[in-house]
Amino acid sequence: MIIKRQIVNSILALRTKYPILAVTGPRQSGKTTLLKSMFPDYQYVNLENPDVRSFAESDPSSFLSMYEKFVIFDEVQRVPLLFSYIQAVADESGIMGQFILSGSQNFHLMKNITQSLAGRVAIFKLFPFDLQELSVGGVLNDNYLENLLKGFYPAIYDREIPSKIFYSNYTQTYIQRDVSELIAIKDIRLFQNFLSLCATNAGQLLNISALAGKCGVSQPTAKSWLSALENSYILFLLHPFYENFSKRIVKTPKLYFYDTGLLCHLLKLSDPQQLQLHPFKGSLFENMMVAEYVKRMSHKNQLNDIWFWRDSAGHEVDLIVQNGPEQRLFEFKATKTIMPDLFKGLIYYENLNNKQMNKTLVYGGNESQTRKYGNVLPWKAFGQ
């Protein structure tokens, strides 16, 4: 099954404007498949291969001279020395789109790009499938609980790997490996406990002290593990918007996972009926929708500023999108029944700003509506 990726148009639009393109994102998100299909005439070099990597590390100049005009270097962050040589070749040739770099460790890749390739590279992020990609591909389930549990990684759809098997292998092979390469982990079981604790806090305010305490590690250790998980594209933090507000505004970020299939696996959830009555259902729906916006924004290469907002009295807006000078407000509710009080956080924020704002309630149903308090959007249509 081939599902067209939305990021294709974004990459092609900048191919003729930059000498180097870089595609990053989590492991198994489809980077290699995408680049090989988009650029069949490019030579492909995988720097995960120990022999290839050894040659590149020991003699980068001779290594680069082996390849013709257009090359894809996969997992390029494994050979940091190569970046300076790529810069020199790109500057000398002046050819646009000459090198395409891909990597799954954001920290190392971006560090080397910043140091050696600043101003020469267009950067893209490829995540697992977004809802529109699944819809166009004809594999989006009408029940959001099914999609939430199944997850969005391409292998689950392309190779029909059961989610339970995929995520079990993913946590053991990719997450632990990537994180171990970023930081030293002395006790892998403690780290696994930490990852599971993060899952129980998805969609909640981040309390690093509580996470460290429950896991039995120091706060600096918990912070380093959290940072490594961010740089491996497992989870992300959504920061609060608190400009022009009083000190009563919450200034702590919220924790989300990029993929709800992995999140449900860590929470040991595997059945839609089990999830239907689960106390985490609302948080999981919110996580899916916030992650959906992040994925869609990246795939379209539209990098808007996004936040959430909450005050100490509990008034909250789940997602604020800065669209030029205007803000768009979103509330996410897993329910299929729309009640007026579901808009109360959006209305409170609007009144606080003393001006009419674009307000949307995204819910678990299937009908679009226009109501007095704002727009109602079904989960399937969010982000389109």
Protein backbone atom coordinates (compact mmCIF):
# COMPACT_ATOMS: atom_id res chain seq x y z
CA MET A 1 0.00 0.00 0.00
CA ILE A 2 1.43 3.38 -1.02
CA ILE A 3 0.05 6.39 0.83
CA LYS A 4 1.10 9.72 -0.65
CA ARG A 5 2.91 11.96 1.81
CA GLN A 6 1.88 15.62 1.99
CA ILE A 7 5.44 16.75 2.60
CA VAL A 8 6.36 15.94 -1.03
CA ASN A 9 5.08 19.30 -2.30
CA SER A 10 6.92 21.19 0.45
CA ILE A 11 10.23 19.51 -0.41
CA LEU A 12 9.87 20.01 -4.16
CA ALA A 13 9.04 23.70 -3.67
CA LEU A 14 12.48 24.33 -2.10
CA ARG A 15 14.59 21.84 -4.01
CA THR A 16 15.66 24.49 -6.53
CA LYS A 17 16.31 27.14 -3.87
CA TYR A 18 18.79 25.42 -1.52
CA PRO A 19 21.90 23.34 -2.29
CA ILE A 20 21.11 21.00 0.62
CA LEU A 21 17.82 19.56 1.86
CA ALA A 22 17.55 17.87 5.26
CA VAL A 23 14.69 15.56 6.27
CA THR A 24 14.49 14.57 9.89
CA GLY A 25 11.85 12.85 12.01
CA PRO A 26 11.34 9.75 14.14
CA ARG A 27 12.68 6.38 13.09
CA GLN A 28 10.31 4.38 10.90
CA SER A 29 8.35 7.49 9.85
CA GLY A 30 9.12 6.73 6.20
CA LYS A 31 12.05 9.07 5.44
CA THR A 32 14.09 6.60 3.40
CA THR A 33 11.10 5.31 1.43
CA LEU A 34 9.98 8.86 0.70
CA LEU A 35 13.36 10.11 -0.50
CA LYS A 36 14.09 7.08 -2.66
CA SER A 37 10.70 7.37 -4.36
CA MET A 38 10.97 11.14 -4.82
CA PHE A 39 14.55 11.13 -6.14
CA PRO A 40 15.19 7.83 -7.97
CA ASP A 41 18.08 9.37 -9.93
CA TYR A 42 20.02 10.23 -6.77
CA GLN A 43 22.68 7.91 -5.41
CA TYR A 44 21.70 6.54 -2.02
CA VAL A 45 24.24 6.11 0.80
CA ASN A 46 23.31 4.60 4.16
CA LEU A 47 25.72 5.68 6.89
CA GLU A 48 24.28 3.09 9.27
CA ASN A 49 26.43 0.63 7.30
CA PRO A 50 29.63 0.19 9.38
CA ASP A 51 31.93 -0.16 6.35
CA VAL A 52 30.52 2.90 4.61
CA ARG A 53 30.63 4.88 7.85
CA SER A 54 34.26 3.88 8.51
CA PHE A 55 35.31 5.10 5.07
CA ALA A 56 33.45 8.40 5.52
CA GLU A 57 35.02 8.97 8.93
CA SER A 58 38.58 8.11 7.95
CA ASP A 59 38.75 9.91 4.61
CA PRO A 60 35.72 12.18 4.04
CA SER A 61 37.25 13.93 1.02
CA SER A 62 37.87 10.70 -0.91
CA PHE A 63 34.53 9.38 0.26
CA LEU A 64 32.61 12.35 -1.21
CA SER A 65 34.60 12.23 -4.46
CA MET A 66 33.16 8.75 -5.12
CA TYR A 67 29.69 10.14 -5.68
CA GLU A 68 28.36 12.03 -8.64
CA LYS A 69 26.30 15.19 -8.66
CA PHE A 70 23.21 14.22 -6.63
CA VAL A 71 23.35 12.15 -3.43
CA ILE A 72 21.11 11.12 -0.52
CA PHE A 73 23.02 10.55 2.73
CA ASP A 74 20.89 8.59 5.20
CA GLU A 75 21.53 8.81 8.98
CA VAL A 76 24.17 11.42 8.19
CA GLN A 77 24.43 12.53 11.83
CA ARG A 78 26.57 9.42 12.41
CA VAL A 79 29.52 11.10 10.64
CA PRO A 80 29.73 14.67 12.00
CA LEU A 81 32.98 15.37 10.13
CA LEU A 82 31.18 14.93 6.82
CA PHE A 83 29.12 18.11 7.23
CA SER A 84 32.05 20.50 6.68
CA TYR A 85 33.12 18.66 3.55
CA ILE A 86 29.55 18.70 2.20
CA GLN A 87 29.51 22.45 2.80
CA ALA A 88 32.70 22.92 0.80
CA VAL A 89 31.45 20.87 -2.14
CA ALA A 90 28.06 22.60 -2.16
CA ASP A 91 29.65 26.07 -2.04
CA GLU A 92 32.00 25.24 -4.87
CA SER A 93 29.42 23.63 -7.17
CA GLY A 94 26.56 26.05 -6.59
CA ILE A 95 24.12 23.29 -7.58
CA MET A 96 20.70 23.48 -5.96
CA GLY A 97 19.35 20.30 -4.41
CA GLN A 98 22.71 18.58 -4.73
CA PHE A 99 22.70 16.86 -1.34
CA ILE A 100 19.78 15.42 0.60
CA LEU A 101 20.47 14.54 4.21
CA SER A 102 18.25 12.48 6.47
CA GLY A 103 18.50 11.57 10.12
CA SER A 104 16.42 10.42 13.07
CA GLN A 105 18.29 12.12 15.89
CA ASN A 106 17.28 15.75 15.92
CA PHE A 107 19.95 16.89 18.39
CA HIS A 108 23.01 15.63 16.50
CA LEU A 109 21.64 16.45 13.06
CA MET A 110 20.62 20.01 13.95
CA LYS A 111 23.84 20.63 15.87
CA ASN A 112 25.93 19.79 12.82
CA ILE A 113 23.65 21.70 10.45
CA THR A 114 23.87 24.78 12.68
CA GLN A 115 27.65 24.57 12.90
CA SER A 116 28.46 23.81 9.26
CA LEU A 117 25.49 24.32 6.96
CA ALA A 118 23.66 27.38 8.25
CA GLY A 119 21.97 29.27 5.41
CA ARG A 120 22.58 26.47 2.93
CA VAL A 121 19.94 23.96 3.99
CA ALA A 122 16.14 23.69 3.95
CA ILE A 123 14.94 21.58 6.86
CA PHE A 124 11.84 19.36 6.84
CA LYS A 125 10.28 17.08 9.44
CA LEU A 126 8.51 13.89 8.41
CA PHE A 127 6.29 12.34 11.05
CA PRO A 128 4.08 9.23 10.93
CA PHE A 129 0.93 9.55 8.84
CA ASP A 130 -1.47 12.39 9.57
CA LEU A 131 -5.24 12.01 9.35
CA GLN A 132 -5.57 13.52 5.89
CA GLU A 133 -2.93 11.16 4.48
CA LEU A 134 -4.81 8.17 5.91
CA SER A 135 -8.12 9.55 4.62
CA VAL A 136 -6.82 10.08 1.09
CA GLY A 137 -5.24 6.62 1.25
CA GLY A 138 -8.61 5.12 2.16
CA VAL A 139 -7.49 3.60 5.46
CA LEU A 140 -8.85 6.07 8.02
CA ASN A 141 -11.35 4.41 10.35
CA ASP A 142 -14.64 6.20 11.04
CA ASN A 143 -14.16 5.52 14.76
CA TYR A 144 -11.41 7.78 16.11
CA LEU A 145 -10.74 5.28 18.93
CA GLU A 146 -9.58 2.73 16.35
CA ASN A 147 -7.11 5.19 14.81
CA LEU A 148 -5.93 6.39 18.20
CA LEU A 149 -5.12 2.84 19.31
CA LYS A 150 -3.69 1.61 16.02
CA GLY A 151 -1.22 4.46 15.71
CA PHE A 152 0.13 6.17 12.62
CA TYR A 153 3.50 4.62 11.73
CA PRO A 154 3.72 3.58 8.06
CA ALA A 155 4.84 -0.02 8.74
CA ILE A 156 1.53 -0.73 10.50
CA TYR A 157 -0.29 0.10 7.25
CA ASP A 158 2.25 -0.71 4.53
CA ARG A 159 3.29 -4.10 5.97
CA GLU A 160 0.16 -4.72 8.02
CA ILE A 161 2.15 -5.29 11.20
CA PRO A 162 -0.16 -5.58 14.25
CA SER A 163 0.22 -2.51 16.45
CA LYS A 164 1.07 -4.51 19.56
CA ILE A 165 3.98 -6.22 17.81
CA PHE A 166 5.19 -3.05 16.11
CA TYR A 167 5.27 -0.92 19.25
CA SER A 168 6.77 -3.65 21.40
CA ASN A 169 9.67 -3.91 18.95
CA TYR A 170 9.83 -0.15 18.49
CA THR A 171 10.36 0.54 22.18
CA GLN A 172 13.03 -2.13 22.49
CA THR A 173 14.98 -1.49 19.32
CA TYR A 174 14.62 2.17 18.40
CA ILE A 175 13.70 4.20 21.46
CA GLN A 176 16.17 2.58 23.84
CA ARG A 177 18.90 2.60 21.22
CA ASP A 178 18.46 6.24 20.22
CA VAL A 179 18.20 7.49 23.76
CA SER A 180 21.23 5.42 24.80
CA GLU A 181 23.25 7.09 22.05
CA LEU A 182 22.31 10.53 23.36
CA ILE A 183 22.82 9.87 27.05
CA ALA A 184 24.25 7.13 29.26
CA ILE A 185 21.50 5.03 30.82
CA LYS A 186 22.75 2.88 33.67
CA ASP A 187 19.46 1.15 34.43
CA ILE A 188 17.29 0.49 31.37
CA ARG A 189 14.39 -0.69 33.53
CA LEU A 190 14.28 2.65 35.33
CA PHE A 191 14.21 4.39 31.98
CA GLN A 192 11.35 2.18 30.81
CA ASN A 193 9.45 3.11 33.99
CA PHE A 194 10.11 6.77 33.28
CA LEU A 195 8.77 6.44 29.73
CA SER A 196 5.61 4.74 31.05
CA LEU A 197 5.17 7.49 33.65
CA CYS A 198 5.43 10.08 30.89
CA ALA A 199 2.61 8.23 29.12
CA THR A 200 0.35 8.53 32.17
CA ASN A 201 0.98 12.30 32.09
CA ALA A 202 0.22 12.84 28.39
CA GLY A 203 -1.96 15.90 27.90
CA GLN A 204 -1.12 17.13 31.41
CA LEU A 205 1.10 19.84 32.83
CA LEU A 206 4.68 18.66 33.09
CA ASN A 207 5.82 18.08 36.69
CA ILE A 208 9.43 16.97 36.34
CA SER A 209 9.88 16.76 40.10
CA ALA A 210 6.94 14.36 40.45
CA LEU A 211 8.14 12.25 37.51
CA ALA A 212 11.62 11.99 38.99
CA GLY A 213 10.26 11.14 42.44
CA LYS A 214 7.90 8.43 41.21
CA CYS A 215 10.66 6.92 39.08
CA GLY A 216 13.29 7.10 41.83
CA VAL A 217 15.82 9.20 39.90
CA SER A 218 17.22 12.70 40.36
CA GLN A 219 15.64 15.71 38.66
CA PRO A 220 18.73 16.27 36.44
CA THR A 221 18.47 12.65 35.28
CA ALA A 222 14.75 13.01 34.56
CA LYS A 223 15.43 16.22 32.62
CA SER A 224 18.14 14.57 30.52
CA TRP A 225 15.88 11.59 29.75
CA LEU A 226 13.04 13.90 28.78
CA SER A 227 15.34 15.91 26.50
CA ALA A 228 16.58 12.72 24.84
CA LEU A 229 13.00 11.59 24.20
CA GLU A 230 12.24 15.00 22.65
CA ASN A 231 15.29 14.80 20.39
CA SER A 232 14.31 11.29 19.30
CA TYR A 233 10.83 12.55 18.31
CA ILE A 234 8.99 10.44 20.87
CA LEU A 235 7.35 13.26 22.79
CA PHE A 236 7.15 17.05 22.77
CA LEU A 237 6.26 19.92 25.05
CA LEU A 238 3.58 22.50 24.28
CA HIS A 239 4.39 25.75 26.02
CA PRO A 240 1.84 28.14 27.54
CA PHE A 241 0.94 31.53 26.15
CA TYR A 242 1.22 34.07 28.94
CA GLU A 243 2.07 37.40 27.34
CA ASN A 244 0.04 40.37 28.57
CA PHE A 245 -1.58 38.34 31.34
CA SER A 246 -1.37 38.45 35.12
CA LYS A 247 0.85 36.25 37.29
CA ARG A 248 -2.10 33.89 37.80
CA ILE A 249 -1.44 32.36 34.37
CA VAL A 250 0.11 28.88 34.31
CA LYS A 251 3.65 28.93 32.90
CA THR A 252 4.36 25.18 32.93
CA PRO A 253 4.41 23.27 29.58
CA LYS A 254 2.17 20.32 28.74
CA LEU A 255 3.50 16.92 27.72
CA TYR A 256 2.37 15.14 24.53
CA PHE A 257 3.43 12.11 22.48
CA TYR A 258 3.82 12.40 18.73
CA ASP A 259 2.08 9.05 18.21
CA THR A 260 -0.96 7.83 20.16
CA GLY A 261 -0.40 4.21 19.14
CA LEU A 262 2.87 4.23 21.07
CA LEU A 263 1.17 6.13 23.88
CA CYS A 264 -1.61 3.52 24.16
CA HIS A 265 0.96 0.71 24.04
CA LEU A 266 2.79 2.24 27.00
CA LEU A 267 -0.54 2.57 28.84
CA LYS A 268 -1.36 -1.07 28.03
CA LEU A 269 -4.51 -0.08 26.15
CA SER A 270 -5.44 -2.21 23.14
CA ASP A 271 -9.22 -2.41 22.87
CA PRO A 272 -11.60 0.36 21.71
CA GLN A 273 -14.29 -0.75 24.16
CA GLN A 274 -11.76 -0.60 26.99
CA LEU A 275 -10.80 2.90 25.91
CA GLN A 276 -14.42 4.07 25.53
CA LEU A 277 -14.88 4.17 29.31
CA HIS A 278 -11.27 4.83 30.27
CA PRO A 279 -10.50 7.94 32.38
CA PHE A 280 -7.64 8.80 29.97
CA LYS A 281 -9.92 8.96 26.90
CA GLY A 282 -10.23 12.76 26.95
CA SER A 283 -6.48 13.28 27.37
CA LEU A 284 -5.72 10.77 24.61
CA PHE A 285 -8.13 12.50 22.22
CA GLU A 286 -6.54 15.85 23.02
CA ASN A 287 -3.07 14.34 22.49
CA MET A 288 -4.11 12.93 19.11
CA MET A 289 -5.48 16.30 17.96
CA VAL A 290 -2.54 18.41 19.17
CA ALA A 291 -0.08 15.94 17.63
CA GLU A 292 -2.16 16.00 14.44
CA TYR A 293 -1.74 19.76 14.16
CA VAL A 294 2.02 19.49 14.75
CA LYS A 295 2.33 16.78 12.08
CA ARG A 296 0.20 18.61 9.53
CA MET A 297 2.04 21.87 10.17
CA SER A 298 5.38 20.14 9.57
CA HIS A 299 4.22 18.22 6.49
CA LYS A 300 2.95 21.44 4.91
CA ASN A 301 6.07 23.30 6.10
CA GLN A 302 3.85 25.93 7.72
CA LEU A 303 5.58 26.74 10.97
CA ASN A 304 3.03 28.70 12.98
CA ASP A 305 3.58 29.45 16.65
CA ILE A 306 1.34 27.30 18.83
CA TRP A 307 0.58 27.35 22.57
CA PHE A 308 -2.03 26.44 25.12
CA TRP A 309 -3.42 28.77 27.79
CA ARG A 310 -4.54 28.12 31.35
CA ASP A 311 -5.00 30.22 34.47
CA SER A 312 -4.88 29.19 38.11
CA ALA A 313 -8.69 29.04 38.28
CA GLY A 314 -8.75 26.26 35.65
CA HIS A 315 -9.92 28.25 32.62
CA GLU A 316 -8.15 26.78 29.60
CA VAL A 317 -7.71 26.84 25.83
CA ASP A 318 -6.24 23.57 24.52
CA LEU A 319 -4.52 25.04 21.46
CA ILE A 320 -3.78 28.59 20.33
CA VAL A 321 -2.47 29.04 16.79
CA GLN A 322 -0.87 32.35 15.90
CA ASN A 323 -1.97 33.21 12.37
CA GLY A 324 -0.28 36.54 11.61
CA PRO A 325 -1.63 39.08 14.11
CA GLU A 326 -4.69 36.91 14.82
CA GLN A 327 -5.07 33.94 17.13
CA ARG A 328 -7.18 30.87 16.39
CA LEU A 329 -8.51 29.04 19.44
CA PHE A 330 -9.22 25.29 19.63
CA GLU A 331 -10.87 23.12 22.26
CA PHE A 332 -10.72 19.32 21.97
CA LYS A 333 -13.48 17.14 23.41
CA ALA A 334 -13.80 13.38 22.92
CA THR A 335 -17.59 13.51 23.29
CA LYS A 336 -20.03 13.09 20.39
CA THR A 337 -22.61 15.33 22.09
CA ILE A 338 -22.19 19.10 21.87
CA MET A 339 -23.23 21.09 24.93
CA PRO A 340 -22.86 24.91 25.30
CA ASP A 341 -20.56 24.60 28.34
CA LEU A 342 -17.91 22.94 26.17
CA PHE A 343 -17.17 26.44 24.78
CA LYS A 344 -16.65 28.05 28.17
CA GLY A 345 -12.83 28.08 28.06
CA LEU A 346 -12.83 29.61 24.58
CA ILE A 347 -15.41 32.24 25.56
CA TYR A 348 -13.55 33.13 28.75
CA TYR A 349 -10.31 33.71 26.83
CA GLU A 350 -12.12 35.75 24.18
CA ASN A 351 -13.70 37.97 26.83
CA LEU A 352 -10.36 38.37 28.54
CA ASN A 353 -8.92 39.71 25.28
CA ASN A 354 -11.97 41.93 24.80
CA LYS A 355 -12.34 41.15 21.10
CA GLN A 356 -14.06 38.60 18.89
CA MET A 357 -11.85 35.63 18.04
CA ASN A 358 -11.91 32.58 15.78
CA LYS A 359 -13.09 29.75 18.09
CA THR A 360 -13.40 26.08 17.15
CA LEU A 361 -14.54 23.07 19.12
CA VAL A 362 -13.11 19.82 17.71
CA TYR A 363 -15.10 16.82 18.90
CA GLY A 364 -15.46 13.05 18.45
CA GLY A 365 -18.50 13.30 16.18
CA ASN A 366 -18.86 13.58 12.42
CA GLU A 367 -20.84 16.76 11.68
CA SER A 368 -19.62 20.30 11.11
CA GLN A 369 -21.78 22.98 12.70
CA THR A 370 -21.81 26.73 13.16
CA ARG A 371 -23.05 27.71 16.59
CA LYS A 372 -23.53 30.98 18.41
CA TYR A 373 -20.41 30.36 20.52
CA GLY A 374 -18.14 29.18 17.71
CA ASN A 375 -17.50 26.57 15.02
CA VAL A 376 -17.90 22.85 15.63
CA LEU A 377 -15.52 20.62 13.68
CA PRO A 378 -15.43 16.81 13.51
CA TRP A 379 -12.10 15.22 14.38
CA LYS A 380 -11.65 13.96 10.80
CA ALA A 381 -11.71 17.49 9.39
CA PHE A 382 -9.28 19.04 11.87
CA GLY A 383 -6.23 20.60 10.21
CA GLN A 384 -7.58 20.49 6.67
